[in-house]
Amino acid sequence: MRKLTYFIACTIDGFIGDESGDASFMYPFVDEEFLSYLKAEFPETISAQGRRALGIHDLEPRRFDTVVQGRGSYEVALKEGITSPYDHLREYVASRTLAESPDPHVEIIGDDLVARVRELKAGDSRFGIYLCGGSRLAGELHEEIDELVIKTYPVALGTGMPMFGSGFAVTEFALDEVRVFDNGVVVRTYGRKS
């Protein structure tokens, strides 16, 4: 069974963006040390455009060969005219409002999101699935998430878009790894407790 990994950036107080979802205030923390870590450990999570700009567009997958993202995060790319932001991965966008995909490389999941993600997890691949935001999507898929990789930036918002945008029962995860960077960023990896 393939792992579904929610790889997410958040503030100290657990928000992935302001109330509109904007997380641009976190960008300054992606400094040379942290970017080197991302390129080495999670290169697939860097957009195709970012990978080309960094000269790592031809890197082989390390962890993921598939991405599932919400309509909100996909919309950020669409506004820039980018219809396939992760063209190095198999791309899926969960949306009840986007009737058809603007790109043949991107499949829209309009109904039965959980069932479709379960199919993807049961697929034949040695690589996992990258859950790329947003809040409501993570809330809908909380029972399917096997791993959390939380990049915590040293800022507090007080209010904003939570990591999980829905209520649900307590779910326990075990801490697997912690990495601390000089700029105050902390990356924690958790695995779902059985």
N, C-alpha and C. Protein backbone atom coordinates (compact mmCIF):
# COMPACT_ATOMS: atom_id res chain seq x y z
N MET A 1 0.84 -1.19 0.00
CA MET A 1 0.00 0.00 0.00
C MET A 1 0.88 1.24 0.00
N ARG A 2 0.59 2.15 -0.90
CA ARG A 2 1.34 3.41 -0.98
C ARG A 2 0.91 4.35 0.14
N LYS A 3 1.87 5.17 0.59
CA LYS A 3 1.58 6.15 1.65
C LYS A 3 1.05 7.44 1.05
N LEU A 4 0.07 8.02 1.75
CA LEU A 4 -0.39 9.37 1.45
C LEU A 4 0.27 10.27 2.49
N THR A 5 1.11 11.19 2.02
CA THR A 5 1.87 12.09 2.90
C THR A 5 1.38 13.52 2.74
N TYR A 6 0.90 14.07 3.85
CA TYR A 6 0.52 15.48 3.87
C TYR A 6 1.78 16.26 4.18
N PHE A 7 2.35 16.86 3.16
CA PHE A 7 3.60 17.63 3.23
C PHE A 7 3.18 19.09 3.22
N ILE A 8 3.29 19.74 4.37
CA ILE A 8 2.66 21.05 4.51
C ILE A 8 3.53 22.02 5.29
N ALA A 9 3.44 23.29 4.93
CA ALA A 9 4.11 24.37 5.65
C ALA A 9 3.07 25.03 6.55
N CYS A 10 3.49 25.36 7.77
CA CYS A 10 2.56 26.03 8.68
C CYS A 10 3.30 26.96 9.63
N THR A 11 2.52 27.75 10.33
CA THR A 11 3.07 28.65 11.34
C THR A 11 3.20 27.89 12.65
N ILE A 12 3.82 28.53 13.63
CA ILE A 12 3.95 27.93 14.97
C ILE A 12 2.58 27.57 15.53
N ASP A 13 1.58 28.40 15.23
CA ASP A 13 0.24 28.14 15.77
C ASP A 13 -0.65 27.34 14.82
N GLY A 14 -0.04 26.67 13.84
CA GLY A 14 -0.74 25.66 13.06
C GLY A 14 -1.57 26.13 11.88
N PHE A 15 -1.28 27.32 11.35
CA PHE A 15 -2.01 27.80 10.18
C PHE A 15 -1.15 27.67 8.93
N ILE A 16 -1.80 27.26 7.82
CA ILE A 16 -1.07 27.07 6.57
C ILE A 16 -1.12 28.31 5.68
N GLY A 17 -1.79 29.32 6.14
CA GLY A 17 -1.88 30.58 5.43
C GLY A 17 -2.80 31.51 6.19
N ASP A 18 -2.94 32.72 5.69
CA ASP A 18 -3.89 33.63 6.33
C ASP A 18 -5.30 33.14 6.01
N GLU A 19 -6.30 33.89 6.40
CA GLU A 19 -7.68 33.42 6.23
C GLU A 19 -8.06 33.19 4.77
N SER A 20 -7.37 33.86 3.84
CA SER A 20 -7.63 33.64 2.41
C SER A 20 -6.76 32.52 1.84
N GLY A 21 -5.83 32.01 2.66
CA GLY A 21 -4.94 30.94 2.20
C GLY A 21 -3.58 31.42 1.75
N ASP A 22 -3.36 32.72 1.73
CA ASP A 22 -2.07 33.26 1.30
C ASP A 22 -0.98 32.89 2.30
N ALA A 23 0.08 32.28 1.81
CA ALA A 23 1.20 31.86 2.66
C ALA A 23 2.51 32.50 2.21
N SER A 24 2.43 33.56 1.43
CA SER A 24 3.64 34.17 0.88
C SER A 24 4.57 34.72 1.96
N PHE A 25 4.05 34.99 3.15
CA PHE A 25 4.90 35.47 4.24
C PHE A 25 5.90 34.42 4.70
N MET A 26 5.70 33.16 4.29
CA MET A 26 6.63 32.09 4.66
C MET A 26 7.82 32.00 3.70
N TYR A 27 7.69 32.55 2.50
CA TYR A 27 8.73 32.42 1.48
C TYR A 27 10.13 32.84 1.93
N PRO A 28 10.27 33.92 2.71
CA PRO A 28 11.63 34.33 3.11
C PRO A 28 12.40 33.27 3.91
N PHE A 29 11.69 32.29 4.47
CA PHE A 29 12.36 31.26 5.26
C PHE A 29 12.97 30.15 4.38
N VAL A 30 12.66 30.18 3.09
CA VAL A 30 13.25 29.19 2.18
C VAL A 30 14.61 29.75 1.75
N ASP A 31 15.55 29.68 2.69
CA ASP A 31 16.90 30.19 2.45
C ASP A 31 17.78 29.08 1.86
N GLU A 32 19.03 29.34 1.69
CA GLU A 32 19.94 28.39 1.03
C GLU A 32 20.00 27.04 1.74
N GLU A 33 20.13 27.07 3.08
CA GLU A 33 20.20 25.81 3.84
C GLU A 33 18.92 25.01 3.69
N PHE A 34 17.78 25.67 3.86
CA PHE A 34 16.51 24.96 3.80
C PHE A 34 16.19 24.48 2.38
N LEU A 35 16.50 25.31 1.39
CA LEU A 35 16.28 24.91 0.01
C LEU A 35 17.14 23.70 -0.36
N SER A 36 18.37 23.66 0.13
CA SER A 36 19.25 22.50 -0.12
C SER A 36 18.63 21.23 0.44
N TYR A 37 18.04 21.34 1.62
CA TYR A 37 17.35 20.20 2.24
C TYR A 37 16.18 19.75 1.37
N LEU A 38 15.35 20.71 0.93
CA LEU A 38 14.19 20.36 0.10
C LEU A 38 14.63 19.70 -1.21
N LYS A 39 15.66 20.24 -1.84
CA LYS A 39 16.15 19.67 -3.09
C LYS A 39 16.67 18.25 -2.89
N ALA A 40 17.32 17.99 -1.76
CA ALA A 40 17.90 16.67 -1.50
C ALA A 40 16.85 15.66 -1.04
N GLU A 41 15.92 16.09 -0.19
CA GLU A 41 14.99 15.15 0.44
C GLU A 41 13.60 15.10 -0.20
N PHE A 42 13.13 16.22 -0.70
CA PHE A 42 11.76 16.30 -1.24
C PHE A 42 11.72 17.06 -2.56
N PRO A 43 12.54 16.68 -3.53
CA PRO A 43 12.59 17.46 -4.77
C PRO A 43 11.27 17.45 -5.56
N GLU A 44 10.48 16.41 -5.38
CA GLU A 44 9.22 16.31 -6.12
C GLU A 44 8.21 17.36 -5.67
N THR A 45 8.38 17.87 -4.44
CA THR A 45 7.42 18.84 -3.92
C THR A 45 7.67 20.25 -4.44
N ILE A 46 8.74 20.44 -5.15
CA ILE A 46 9.03 21.72 -5.79
C ILE A 46 8.33 21.71 -7.15
N SER A 47 7.63 22.78 -7.45
CA SER A 47 6.88 22.84 -8.71
C SER A 47 7.80 22.63 -9.90
N ALA A 48 7.21 22.25 -11.02
CA ALA A 48 7.99 22.01 -12.24
C ALA A 48 8.75 23.27 -12.64
N GLN A 49 8.12 24.43 -12.51
CA GLN A 49 8.77 25.68 -12.88
C GLN A 49 9.94 25.96 -11.93
N GLY A 50 9.74 25.70 -10.65
CA GLY A 50 10.82 25.87 -9.67
C GLY A 50 11.96 24.91 -9.91
N ARG A 51 11.64 23.68 -10.26
CA ARG A 51 12.67 22.68 -10.55
C ARG A 51 13.52 23.10 -11.74
N ARG A 52 12.86 23.64 -12.79
CA ARG A 52 13.62 24.10 -13.95
C ARG A 52 14.52 25.28 -13.58
N ALA A 53 13.99 26.21 -12.80
CA ALA A 53 14.78 27.38 -12.38
C ALA A 53 15.98 26.98 -11.53
N LEU A 54 15.82 25.91 -10.75
CA LEU A 54 16.90 25.45 -9.87
C LEU A 54 17.84 24.46 -10.57
N GLY A 55 17.51 24.08 -11.80
CA GLY A 55 18.35 23.13 -12.53
C GLY A 55 18.23 21.70 -12.04
N ILE A 56 17.07 21.37 -11.42
CA ILE A 56 16.89 20.01 -10.91
C ILE A 56 15.70 19.31 -11.58
N HIS A 57 15.30 19.81 -12.75
CA HIS A 57 14.13 19.28 -13.43
C HIS A 57 14.28 17.81 -13.84
N ASP A 58 15.50 17.32 -13.93
CA ASP A 58 15.70 15.94 -14.36
C ASP A 58 15.97 14.98 -13.20
N LEU A 59 15.81 15.44 -11.96
CA LEU A 59 16.03 14.56 -10.81
C LEU A 59 14.98 13.44 -10.79
N GLU A 60 15.41 12.26 -10.49
CA GLU A 60 14.50 11.12 -10.35
C GLU A 60 13.70 11.27 -9.05
N PRO A 61 12.51 10.68 -9.00
CA PRO A 61 11.72 10.75 -7.77
C PRO A 61 12.45 10.12 -6.58
N ARG A 62 12.31 10.72 -5.42
CA ARG A 62 12.85 10.16 -4.18
C ARG A 62 11.73 9.52 -3.35
N ARG A 63 10.60 10.22 -3.27
CA ARG A 63 9.53 9.77 -2.39
C ARG A 63 8.17 9.65 -3.07
N PHE A 64 7.91 10.54 -4.02
CA PHE A 64 6.57 10.63 -4.59
C PHE A 64 6.60 10.56 -6.12
N ASP A 65 5.53 9.96 -6.68
CA ASP A 65 5.35 10.02 -8.13
C ASP A 65 3.96 10.54 -8.49
N THR A 66 3.20 10.93 -7.45
CA THR A 66 1.82 11.37 -7.62
C THR A 66 1.56 12.54 -6.68
N VAL A 67 0.77 13.50 -7.13
CA VAL A 67 0.36 14.62 -6.28
C VAL A 67 -1.16 14.76 -6.34
N VAL A 68 -1.75 15.01 -5.17
CA VAL A 68 -3.17 15.34 -5.07
C VAL A 68 -3.24 16.71 -4.42
N GLN A 69 -3.89 17.63 -5.09
CA GLN A 69 -4.02 18.97 -4.52
C GLN A 69 -5.45 19.45 -4.61
N GLY A 70 -5.76 20.43 -3.79
CA GLY A 70 -7.09 21.02 -3.81
C GLY A 70 -7.20 22.09 -4.88
N ARG A 71 -8.42 22.49 -5.13
CA ARG A 71 -8.70 23.50 -6.15
C ARG A 71 -8.01 24.82 -5.80
N GLY A 72 -8.01 25.20 -4.51
CA GLY A 72 -7.40 26.46 -4.10
C GLY A 72 -5.92 26.53 -4.42
N SER A 73 -5.19 25.47 -4.09
CA SER A 73 -3.75 25.48 -4.38
C SER A 73 -3.49 25.39 -5.88
N TYR A 74 -4.34 24.66 -6.60
CA TYR A 74 -4.21 24.58 -8.05
C TYR A 74 -4.49 25.93 -8.70
N GLU A 75 -5.42 26.66 -8.13
CA GLU A 75 -5.81 27.97 -8.66
C GLU A 75 -4.64 28.96 -8.67
N VAL A 76 -3.74 28.83 -7.69
CA VAL A 76 -2.56 29.70 -7.64
C VAL A 76 -1.76 29.56 -8.93
N ALA A 77 -1.56 28.33 -9.39
CA ALA A 77 -0.83 28.10 -10.64
C ALA A 77 -1.64 28.57 -11.85
N LEU A 78 -2.93 28.26 -11.85
CA LEU A 78 -3.78 28.65 -12.98
C LEU A 78 -3.77 30.16 -13.20
N LYS A 79 -3.75 30.92 -12.13
CA LYS A 79 -3.72 32.39 -12.25
C LYS A 79 -2.45 32.87 -12.94
N GLU A 80 -1.41 32.05 -12.89
CA GLU A 80 -0.14 32.38 -13.56
C GLU A 80 -0.07 31.77 -14.96
N GLY A 81 -1.15 31.13 -15.39
CA GLY A 81 -1.18 30.50 -16.71
C GLY A 81 -0.54 29.12 -16.73
N ILE A 82 -0.31 28.55 -15.55
CA ILE A 82 0.32 27.23 -15.45
C ILE A 82 -0.77 26.19 -15.22
N THR A 83 -0.97 25.31 -16.17
CA THR A 83 -2.04 24.32 -16.06
C THR A 83 -1.56 22.98 -15.51
N SER A 84 -0.25 22.78 -15.45
CA SER A 84 0.32 21.53 -14.93
C SER A 84 1.52 21.87 -14.04
N PRO A 85 1.26 22.31 -12.80
CA PRO A 85 2.35 22.77 -11.94
C PRO A 85 3.32 21.68 -11.48
N TYR A 86 2.89 20.44 -11.55
CA TYR A 86 3.75 19.31 -11.16
C TYR A 86 3.82 18.30 -12.30
N ASP A 87 4.25 18.77 -13.46
CA ASP A 87 4.25 17.89 -14.63
C ASP A 87 5.24 16.74 -14.53
N HIS A 88 6.08 16.73 -13.50
CA HIS A 88 7.00 15.63 -13.27
C HIS A 88 6.33 14.52 -12.43
N LEU A 89 5.09 14.74 -12.01
CA LEU A 89 4.32 13.76 -11.22
C LEU A 89 2.99 13.48 -11.93
N ARG A 90 2.32 12.42 -11.51
CA ARG A 90 0.93 12.22 -11.94
C ARG A 90 0.10 13.18 -11.11
N GLU A 91 -0.67 14.04 -11.77
CA GLU A 91 -1.36 15.12 -11.08
C GLU A 91 -2.87 14.90 -11.01
N TYR A 92 -3.40 15.12 -9.79
CA TYR A 92 -4.83 15.04 -9.53
C TYR A 92 -5.23 16.29 -8.77
N VAL A 93 -6.36 16.86 -9.16
CA VAL A 93 -6.90 18.03 -8.48
C VAL A 93 -8.30 17.69 -8.01
N ALA A 94 -8.54 17.84 -6.71
CA ALA A 94 -9.86 17.61 -6.14
C ALA A 94 -10.67 18.89 -6.28
N SER A 95 -11.76 18.82 -7.02
CA SER A 95 -12.60 20.00 -7.23
C SER A 95 -14.01 19.58 -7.59
N ARG A 96 -14.98 20.17 -6.91
CA ARG A 96 -16.38 19.94 -7.25
C ARG A 96 -16.87 21.00 -8.23
N THR A 97 -16.05 22.03 -8.46
CA THR A 97 -16.49 23.13 -9.33
C THR A 97 -15.77 23.17 -10.67
N LEU A 98 -14.62 22.56 -10.78
CA LEU A 98 -13.88 22.54 -12.04
C LEU A 98 -14.39 21.35 -12.85
N ALA A 99 -15.19 21.63 -13.87
CA ALA A 99 -15.87 20.58 -14.63
C ALA A 99 -14.91 19.73 -15.45
N GLU A 100 -13.95 20.39 -16.09
CA GLU A 100 -12.99 19.62 -16.88
C GLU A 100 -11.60 20.20 -16.68
N SER A 101 -10.62 19.36 -16.90
CA SER A 101 -9.24 19.76 -16.68
C SER A 101 -8.76 20.67 -17.80
N PRO A 102 -8.03 21.73 -17.44
CA PRO A 102 -7.46 22.60 -18.45
C PRO A 102 -6.18 22.02 -19.05
N ASP A 103 -5.78 20.83 -18.59
CA ASP A 103 -4.53 20.22 -19.06
C ASP A 103 -4.72 18.71 -19.12
N PRO A 104 -4.29 18.07 -20.21
CA PRO A 104 -4.45 16.61 -20.32
C PRO A 104 -3.65 15.83 -19.28
N HIS A 105 -2.66 16.46 -18.69
CA HIS A 105 -1.82 15.79 -17.68
C HIS A 105 -2.46 15.81 -16.28
N VAL A 106 -3.50 16.62 -16.11
CA VAL A 106 -4.14 16.80 -14.80
C VAL A 106 -5.52 16.17 -14.81
N GLU A 107 -5.74 15.24 -13.88
CA GLU A 107 -7.06 14.61 -13.75
C GLU A 107 -7.83 15.30 -12.63
N ILE A 108 -9.07 15.65 -12.91
CA ILE A 108 -9.94 16.26 -11.91
C ILE A 108 -10.69 15.15 -11.18
N ILE A 109 -10.67 15.21 -9.85
CA ILE A 109 -11.46 14.29 -9.03
C ILE A 109 -12.64 15.11 -8.51
N GLY A 110 -13.81 14.90 -9.10
CA GLY A 110 -14.98 15.67 -8.74
C GLY A 110 -15.85 15.03 -7.69
N ASP A 111 -15.93 13.72 -7.72
CA ASP A 111 -16.77 12.97 -6.78
C ASP A 111 -15.96 11.83 -6.19
N ASP A 112 -16.42 11.34 -5.06
CA ASP A 112 -15.82 10.17 -4.42
C ASP A 112 -14.31 10.33 -4.23
N LEU A 113 -13.91 11.45 -3.65
CA LEU A 113 -12.50 11.74 -3.43
C LEU A 113 -11.82 10.64 -2.62
N VAL A 114 -12.43 10.24 -1.52
CA VAL A 114 -11.81 9.23 -0.66
C VAL A 114 -11.62 7.92 -1.43
N ALA A 115 -12.64 7.51 -2.18
CA ALA A 115 -12.54 6.26 -2.95
C ALA A 115 -11.42 6.36 -3.98
N ARG A 116 -11.32 7.51 -4.65
CA ARG A 116 -10.27 7.67 -5.67
C ARG A 116 -8.88 7.65 -5.04
N VAL A 117 -8.72 8.29 -3.89
CA VAL A 117 -7.43 8.28 -3.21
C VAL A 117 -7.09 6.87 -2.73
N ARG A 118 -8.07 6.14 -2.29
CA ARG A 118 -7.82 4.74 -1.90
C ARG A 118 -7.35 3.92 -3.09
N GLU A 119 -7.93 4.17 -4.27
CA GLU A 119 -7.47 3.49 -5.49
C GLU A 119 -6.02 3.84 -5.78
N LEU A 120 -5.69 5.13 -5.65
CA LEU A 120 -4.31 5.56 -5.90
C LEU A 120 -3.35 4.90 -4.90
N LYS A 121 -3.75 4.83 -3.64
CA LYS A 121 -2.90 4.21 -2.62
C LYS A 121 -2.69 2.72 -2.89
N ALA A 122 -3.69 2.08 -3.48
CA ALA A 122 -3.59 0.65 -3.79
C ALA A 122 -2.83 0.39 -5.09
N GLY A 123 -2.47 1.45 -5.80
CA GLY A 123 -1.78 1.31 -7.09
C GLY A 123 -0.40 0.71 -6.96
N ASP A 124 0.11 0.26 -8.07
CA ASP A 124 1.39 -0.42 -8.11
C ASP A 124 2.52 0.59 -8.34
N SER A 125 3.16 1.00 -7.25
CA SER A 125 4.28 1.92 -7.34
C SER A 125 5.07 1.83 -6.04
N ARG A 126 6.36 2.03 -6.15
CA ARG A 126 7.18 2.04 -4.93
C ARG A 126 7.23 3.43 -4.31
N PHE A 127 6.61 4.41 -4.98
CA PHE A 127 6.60 5.78 -4.51
C PHE A 127 5.26 6.14 -3.87
N GLY A 128 5.30 7.10 -2.98
CA GLY A 128 4.11 7.55 -2.29
C GLY A 128 3.37 8.65 -3.03
N ILE A 129 2.35 9.18 -2.34
CA ILE A 129 1.48 10.21 -2.89
C ILE A 129 1.65 11.46 -2.03
N TYR A 130 1.91 12.57 -2.68
CA TYR A 130 2.11 13.86 -2.04
C TYR A 130 0.76 14.59 -1.98
N LEU A 131 0.28 14.82 -0.77
CA LEU A 131 -0.93 15.62 -0.57
C LEU A 131 -0.50 17.06 -0.41
N CYS A 132 -0.84 17.87 -1.40
CA CYS A 132 -0.36 19.25 -1.52
C CYS A 132 -1.49 20.22 -1.24
N GLY A 133 -1.90 20.34 0.00
CA GLY A 133 -2.95 21.31 0.34
C GLY A 133 -4.23 21.07 -0.43
N GLY A 134 -5.18 21.62 0.04
CA GLY A 134 -5.30 22.58 1.12
C GLY A 134 -6.00 22.02 2.33
N SER A 135 -6.44 22.95 3.10
CA SER A 135 -7.01 22.69 4.41
C SER A 135 -8.25 21.79 4.34
N ARG A 136 -9.20 22.14 3.49
CA ARG A 136 -10.43 21.32 3.40
C ARG A 136 -10.11 19.94 2.82
N LEU A 137 -9.22 19.89 1.85
CA LEU A 137 -8.83 18.62 1.25
C LEU A 137 -8.23 17.69 2.31
N ALA A 138 -7.32 18.24 3.12
CA ALA A 138 -6.71 17.44 4.18
C ALA A 138 -7.76 16.98 5.19
N GLY A 139 -8.72 17.84 5.46
CA GLY A 139 -9.81 17.46 6.36
C GLY A 139 -10.63 16.31 5.81
N GLU A 140 -10.92 16.36 4.52
CA GLU A 140 -11.70 15.28 3.89
C GLU A 140 -10.92 13.97 3.85
N LEU A 141 -9.60 14.07 3.74
CA LEU A 141 -8.76 12.87 3.60
C LEU A 141 -8.07 12.45 4.89
N HIS A 142 -8.45 13.04 6.02
CA HIS A 142 -7.70 12.78 7.26
C HIS A 142 -7.56 11.30 7.60
N GLU A 143 -8.56 10.50 7.30
CA GLU A 143 -8.49 9.07 7.61
C GLU A 143 -7.54 8.32 6.68
N GLU A 144 -7.21 8.92 5.55
CA GLU A 144 -6.33 8.28 4.57
C GLU A 144 -4.88 8.71 4.70
N ILE A 145 -4.61 9.73 5.50
CA ILE A 145 -3.25 10.26 5.63
C ILE A 145 -2.41 9.33 6.49
N ASP A 146 -1.31 8.85 5.93
CA ASP A 146 -0.43 7.92 6.61
C ASP A 146 0.75 8.61 7.27
N GLU A 147 1.11 9.77 6.74
CA GLU A 147 2.31 10.45 7.21
C GLU A 147 2.10 11.96 7.13
N LEU A 148 2.63 12.66 8.11
CA LEU A 148 2.64 14.12 8.11
C LEU A 148 4.09 14.58 8.07
N VAL A 149 4.40 15.47 7.16
CA VAL A 149 5.69 16.15 7.15
C VAL A 149 5.35 17.63 7.28
N ILE A 150 5.61 18.17 8.47
CA ILE A 150 5.17 19.52 8.80
C ILE A 150 6.38 20.43 8.88
N LYS A 151 6.43 21.39 7.96
CA LYS A 151 7.48 22.40 7.94
C LYS A 151 6.94 23.59 8.73
N THR A 152 7.43 23.77 9.95
CA THR A 152 6.93 24.83 10.81
C THR A 152 7.85 26.04 10.73
N TYR A 153 7.27 27.17 10.33
CA TYR A 153 8.02 28.41 10.19
C TYR A 153 7.86 29.24 11.46
N PRO A 154 8.90 29.97 11.88
CA PRO A 154 8.89 30.67 13.16
C PRO A 154 8.09 31.97 13.14
N VAL A 155 6.80 31.85 12.81
CA VAL A 155 5.88 32.98 12.85
C VAL A 155 4.56 32.50 13.44
N ALA A 156 3.83 33.42 14.04
CA ALA A 156 2.50 33.13 14.57
C ALA A 156 1.51 34.10 13.94
N LEU A 157 0.34 33.59 13.55
CA LEU A 157 -0.67 34.42 12.91
C LEU A 157 -1.81 34.78 13.86
N GLY A 158 -2.15 33.89 14.76
CA GLY A 158 -3.28 34.13 15.64
C GLY A 158 -4.59 33.65 15.03
N THR A 159 -4.71 33.76 13.74
CA THR A 159 -5.88 33.28 13.01
C THR A 159 -5.45 33.01 11.57
N GLY A 160 -6.20 32.18 10.90
CA GLY A 160 -5.85 31.87 9.52
C GLY A 160 -6.48 30.57 9.07
N MET A 161 -5.91 29.97 8.04
CA MET A 161 -6.41 28.71 7.50
C MET A 161 -5.73 27.56 8.24
N PRO A 162 -6.50 26.72 8.93
CA PRO A 162 -5.89 25.63 9.71
C PRO A 162 -5.34 24.51 8.82
N MET A 163 -4.48 23.68 9.38
CA MET A 163 -3.93 22.55 8.63
C MET A 163 -5.01 21.59 8.16
N PHE A 164 -6.01 21.37 9.01
CA PHE A 164 -7.12 20.49 8.68
C PHE A 164 -8.41 21.29 8.78
N GLY A 165 -9.09 21.43 7.67
CA GLY A 165 -10.27 22.27 7.61
C GLY A 165 -11.57 21.56 7.88
N SER A 166 -11.60 20.64 8.82
CA SER A 166 -12.86 20.00 9.20
C SER A 166 -12.67 19.36 10.56
N GLY A 167 -13.77 19.20 11.24
CA GLY A 167 -13.71 18.55 12.54
C GLY A 167 -13.69 17.04 12.38
N PHE A 168 -12.97 16.38 13.26
CA PHE A 168 -12.96 14.92 13.24
C PHE A 168 -12.43 14.41 14.57
N ALA A 169 -12.54 13.13 14.79
CA ALA A 169 -12.09 12.52 16.03
C ALA A 169 -10.57 12.59 16.14
N VAL A 170 -10.09 12.47 17.36
CA VAL A 170 -8.65 12.51 17.63
C VAL A 170 -7.95 11.39 16.86
N THR A 171 -6.89 11.73 16.17
CA THR A 171 -6.09 10.77 15.41
C THR A 171 -4.65 10.90 15.89
N GLU A 172 -4.07 9.79 16.32
CA GLU A 172 -2.71 9.84 16.87
C GLU A 172 -1.67 9.50 15.81
N PHE A 173 -0.58 10.26 15.88
CA PHE A 173 0.59 10.04 15.03
C PHE A 173 1.80 9.93 15.94
N ALA A 174 2.80 9.17 15.50
CA ALA A 174 4.04 9.01 16.26
C ALA A 174 5.13 9.84 15.59
N LEU A 175 5.92 10.55 16.39
CA LEU A 175 7.01 11.35 15.87
C LEU A 175 8.13 10.44 15.38
N ASP A 176 8.51 10.60 14.13
CA ASP A 176 9.57 9.78 13.54
C ASP A 176 10.89 10.52 13.41
N GLU A 177 10.82 11.83 13.11
CA GLU A 177 12.05 12.56 12.84
C GLU A 177 11.82 14.05 13.06
N VAL A 178 12.87 14.74 13.51
CA VAL A 178 12.83 16.20 13.66
C VAL A 178 14.11 16.76 13.06
N ARG A 179 13.96 17.80 12.27
CA ARG A 179 15.11 18.48 11.68
C ARG A 179 14.97 19.97 11.96
N VAL A 180 16.01 20.59 12.53
CA VAL A 180 15.98 22.01 12.88
C VAL A 180 16.97 22.75 12.01
N PHE A 181 16.57 23.92 11.51
CA PHE A 181 17.41 24.73 10.64
C PHE A 181 17.80 26.02 11.35
N ASP A 182 18.90 26.60 10.92
CA ASP A 182 19.43 27.81 11.54
C ASP A 182 18.46 28.98 11.51
N ASN A 183 17.57 29.03 10.51
CA ASN A 183 16.63 30.14 10.39
C ASN A 183 15.39 29.98 11.26
N GLY A 184 15.36 28.91 12.07
CA GLY A 184 14.23 28.68 12.97
C GLY A 184 13.17 27.74 12.44
N VAL A 185 13.30 27.30 11.19
CA VAL A 185 12.35 26.34 10.63
C VAL A 185 12.59 24.97 11.27
N VAL A 186 11.50 24.29 11.57
CA VAL A 186 11.57 22.93 12.13
C VAL A 186 10.72 22.03 11.22
N VAL A 187 11.30 20.91 10.80
CA VAL A 187 10.55 19.94 10.01
C VAL A 187 10.36 18.69 10.86
N ARG A 188 9.09 18.36 11.08
CA ARG A 188 8.75 17.18 11.88
C ARG A 188 8.04 16.17 10.98
N THR A 189 8.42 14.92 11.12
CA THR A 189 7.78 13.84 10.37
C THR A 189 7.08 12.92 11.35
N TYR A 190 5.82 12.65 11.08
CA TYR A 190 5.00 11.79 11.94
C TYR A 190 4.41 10.67 11.10
N GLY A 191 4.33 9.48 11.66
CA GLY A 191 3.64 8.36 11.04
C GLY A 191 2.36 8.06 11.80
N ARG A 192 1.31 7.70 11.08
CA ARG A 192 0.04 7.37 11.74
C ARG A 192 0.22 6.15 12.64
N LYS A 193 -0.29 6.26 13.86
CA LYS A 193 -0.28 5.11 14.77
C LYS A 193 -1.33 4.11 14.33
N SER A 194 -0.98 2.84 14.37
CA SER A 194 -1.94 1.80 13.95
C SER A 194 -3.01 1.59 14.98
